[in-house]
N, C-alpha and C. Protein backbone atom coordinates (compact mmCIF):
# COMPACT_ATOMS: atom_id res chain seq x y z
N ASP A 1 9.48 25.87 15.67
CA ASP A 1 8.65 25.32 16.31
C ASP A 1 7.44 25.34 16.78
N ILE A 2 6.54 24.91 17.40
CA ILE A 2 4.85 24.87 17.46
C ILE A 2 5.55 26.21 18.50
N LEU A 3 6.38 26.08 19.98
CA LEU A 3 6.54 26.54 20.49
C LEU A 3 6.69 27.77 20.61
N ASP A 4 7.23 28.13 19.84
CA ASP A 4 7.54 30.08 19.45
C ASP A 4 6.44 30.09 18.43
N ASP A 5 5.36 29.23 18.01
CA ASP A 5 4.21 30.11 17.75
C ASP A 5 3.31 30.46 18.35
N PHE A 6 3.40 29.09 19.35
CA PHE A 6 2.66 29.20 20.60
C PHE A 6 2.30 30.70 21.63
N GLU A 7 4.49 30.10 21.94
CA GLU A 7 4.75 32.12 22.83
C GLU A 7 4.03 32.90 22.46
N LYS A 8 4.32 33.48 20.66
CA LYS A 8 3.79 34.38 20.33
C LYS A 8 2.06 34.99 21.09
N ASN A 9 1.32 34.20 20.70
CA ASN A 9 -0.22 34.19 20.76
C ASN A 9 -0.33 34.84 22.39
N PHE A 10 0.98 33.54 23.24
CA PHE A 10 -0.05 34.00 25.22
C PHE A 10 1.34 34.95 25.63
N ASN A 11 2.06 35.06 25.27
CA ASN A 11 2.76 36.68 26.10
C ASN A 11 2.48 37.50 25.92
N ALA A 12 1.05 37.42 24.70
CA ALA A 12 0.80 39.32 25.14
C ALA A 12 -0.01 38.79 26.35
N ARG A 13 -0.71 37.71 26.49
CA ARG A 13 -1.55 37.21 28.13
C ARG A 13 -1.40 37.99 28.91
N GLU A 14 0.97 38.16 28.93
CA GLU A 14 1.45 37.75 30.34
C GLU A 14 0.89 36.36 30.99
N ILE A 15 0.25 35.36 29.69
CA ILE A 15 1.04 33.89 30.83
C ILE A 15 2.28 33.22 30.39
N ASP A 16 2.98 33.06 31.42
CA ASP A 16 4.76 32.06 31.82
C ASP A 16 3.66 30.36 30.99
N ILE A 17 4.47 30.17 30.44
CA ILE A 17 5.16 28.84 29.34
C ILE A 17 6.76 28.50 29.30
N GLU A 18 6.16 27.60 30.14
CA GLU A 18 7.55 27.22 30.10
C GLU A 18 7.74 25.13 29.71
N CYS A 19 8.56 25.61 28.44
CA CYS A 19 8.51 23.42 27.68
C CYS A 19 9.37 22.92 28.08
N VAL A 20 8.02 21.14 28.87
CA VAL A 20 9.09 20.52 29.53
C VAL A 20 9.29 18.71 29.06
N GLY A 21 9.85 19.52 27.59
CA GLY A 21 10.78 18.29 27.03
C GLY A 21 8.99 18.86 25.52
N GLY A 22 9.46 17.54 24.84
CA GLY A 22 9.42 17.60 23.62
C GLY A 22 9.38 16.15 22.62
N GLY A 23 8.51 15.88 21.39
CA GLY A 23 8.65 14.89 20.56
C GLY A 23 7.57 14.89 19.29
N ARG A 24 7.35 13.59 19.17
CA ARG A 24 6.24 13.40 17.60
C ARG A 24 5.34 13.15 17.71
N ILE A 25 4.69 13.27 17.16
CA ILE A 25 2.72 12.97 16.72
C ILE A 25 2.87 12.02 15.53
N MET A 26 1.94 10.55 15.31
CA MET A 26 1.86 9.78 14.03
C MET A 26 0.51 9.81 14.27
N HIS A 27 -0.30 10.88 13.54
CA HIS A 27 -1.38 11.19 13.71
C HIS A 27 -2.73 10.51 12.13
N GLU A 28 -3.26 9.33 12.19
CA GLU A 28 -3.38 8.77 11.12
C GLU A 28 -5.18 8.54 11.68
N PRO A 29 -5.95 9.95 11.50
CA PRO A 29 -7.13 10.14 11.78
C PRO A 29 -8.25 8.85 11.15
N GLU A 30 -7.83 8.77 9.58
CA GLU A 30 -9.32 7.39 8.91
C GLU A 30 -8.83 6.29 9.14
N LYS A 31 -7.54 6.21 10.36
CA LYS A 31 -7.18 4.90 11.14
C LYS A 31 -7.73 4.80 12.62
N LYS A 32 -8.25 6.29 12.94
CA LYS A 32 -8.17 6.14 14.17
C LYS A 32 -7.58 6.38 15.42
N THR A 33 -5.24 6.03 14.90
CA THR A 33 -4.81 6.13 15.82
C THR A 33 -4.00 7.30 15.97
N ILE A 34 -3.44 6.98 17.03
CA ILE A 34 -1.95 8.50 17.34
C ILE A 34 -0.50 7.50 17.82
N PHE A 35 -0.34 8.01 17.23
CA PHE A 35 1.69 7.49 18.23
C PHE A 35 2.61 8.33 18.20
N VAL A 36 2.03 8.73 19.69
CA VAL A 36 3.78 9.84 20.04
C VAL A 36 5.05 9.23 20.58
N TYR A 37 5.59 9.80 20.13
CA TYR A 37 7.61 9.35 19.89
C TYR A 37 8.77 9.83 20.01
N GLY A 38 9.27 10.02 20.57
CA GLY A 38 10.68 10.50 20.19
C GLY A 38 10.98 11.68 21.56
N TYR A 39 11.98 12.39 20.81
CA TYR A 39 12.64 14.12 22.00
C TYR A 39 12.93 14.91 21.38
N SER A 40 13.12 15.60 22.03
CA SER A 40 13.11 17.34 20.77
C SER A 40 14.75 17.27 21.84
N LEU A 41 15.36 17.77 20.46
CA LEU A 41 16.66 18.02 20.71
C LEU A 41 17.20 19.19 22.06
N GLY A 42 16.28 19.88 22.30
CA GLY A 42 16.60 20.73 22.69
C GLY A 42 16.02 20.58 23.88
N PHE A 43 14.79 20.62 23.85
CA PHE A 43 13.92 20.44 25.24
C PHE A 43 14.15 18.78 26.28
N GLY A 44 14.72 17.95 25.62
CA GLY A 44 14.53 16.58 25.57
C GLY A 44 13.35 15.77 25.72
N LEU A 45 13.09 14.36 26.60
CA LEU A 45 12.07 13.59 26.40
C LEU A 45 11.06 13.94 27.19
N ALA A 46 9.91 14.02 26.81
CA ALA A 46 8.16 14.98 27.58
C ALA A 46 7.65 13.69 28.08
N ASP A 47 7.12 13.77 28.71
CA ASP A 47 6.34 12.56 29.93
C ASP A 47 5.28 12.27 28.04
N HIS A 48 5.54 11.08 27.43
CA HIS A 48 4.44 10.76 26.93
C HIS A 48 2.78 10.40 27.04
N LYS A 49 3.33 9.62 28.60
CA LYS A 49 2.16 8.81 29.35
C LYS A 49 1.21 10.47 29.38
N ILE A 50 0.92 11.44 29.98
CA ILE A 50 0.46 13.21 29.76
C ILE A 50 0.41 12.85 28.71
N SER A 51 1.41 13.26 27.54
CA SER A 51 0.45 13.67 26.21
C SER A 51 -1.12 12.45 25.67
N VAL A 52 -0.37 10.69 26.43
CA VAL A 52 -0.91 9.93 25.71
C VAL A 52 -2.71 10.06 26.42
N GLU A 53 -2.53 10.46 28.30
CA GLU A 53 -4.18 10.86 28.84
C GLU A 53 -4.68 12.14 28.38
N LEU A 54 -4.03 12.87 27.46
CA LEU A 54 -4.65 14.36 27.11
C LEU A 54 -5.30 13.65 26.01
N LEU A 55 -5.28 12.93 24.82
CA LEU A 55 -4.99 12.51 23.97
C LEU A 55 -6.76 12.34 23.79
N LYS A 56 -6.35 11.25 24.86
CA LYS A 56 -7.50 10.03 25.10
C LYS A 56 -8.66 9.86 24.81
N LYS A 57 -8.53 11.34 26.06
CA LYS A 57 -9.88 12.28 26.87
C LYS A 57 -10.22 13.58 24.93
N LYS A 58 -9.52 13.92 24.15
CA LYS A 58 -9.75 14.37 23.00
C LYS A 58 -10.08 13.30 22.33
N TYR A 59 -9.79 11.97 21.89
CA TYR A 59 -10.28 11.63 21.25
C TYR A 59 -11.00 10.55 21.42
N PRO A 60 -11.58 10.11 22.78
CA PRO A 60 -12.18 8.68 23.24
C PRO A 60 -12.70 7.99 22.38
N ASP A 61 -13.10 8.29 20.58
CA ASP A 61 -13.51 7.31 19.43
C ASP A 61 -12.27 6.25 19.25
N TYR A 62 -11.38 6.73 19.24
CA TYR A 62 -9.18 6.47 18.62
C TYR A 62 -9.65 5.23 19.19
N ILE A 63 -9.32 4.55 18.04
CA ILE A 63 -9.52 2.76 18.69
C ILE A 63 -7.69 2.45 19.05
N SER A 64 -7.12 3.04 18.33
CA SER A 64 -5.19 3.25 19.12
C SER A 64 -4.82 4.65 19.79
N ILE A 65 -4.14 4.54 20.96
CA ILE A 65 -3.22 5.76 21.38
C ILE A 65 -2.90 5.63 22.08
N THR A 66 -1.32 5.31 21.57
CA THR A 66 0.07 4.72 22.38
C THR A 66 1.55 5.64 22.44
N PHE A 67 2.32 5.18 22.50
CA PHE A 67 3.41 6.19 23.04
C PHE A 67 4.59 5.02 22.85
N SER A 68 6.08 5.59 22.46
CA SER A 68 6.92 4.97 22.36
C SER A 68 8.33 6.02 22.75
N ASN A 69 8.81 5.72 23.89
CA ASN A 69 10.18 6.78 24.25
C ASN A 69 11.23 6.58 23.18
N GLU A 70 10.67 5.22 22.27
CA GLU A 70 12.22 5.29 21.20
C GLU A 70 11.86 6.35 20.01
N GLY A 71 12.91 6.57 19.35
CA GLY A 71 13.16 7.63 18.80
C GLY A 71 14.40 9.11 18.56
N TYR A 72 13.17 8.95 17.36
CA TYR A 72 13.75 11.00 17.21
C TYR A 72 12.74 11.77 16.85
């Protein structure tokens, strides 16, 4: 899991990390689209609206950055 790798890097710096949910990301750079969807079996559903807002800041030139709470 991504969280496990992330924690290894930041625990050395004594930073507390809390997972508030999960999901998946379909990234198609050639089409300039990102789709956030699904949930984590262990952590439940993340607030994909927040993820999309952050992605739109990172990729302002993308045509479509959307989400759905459906799917696994």
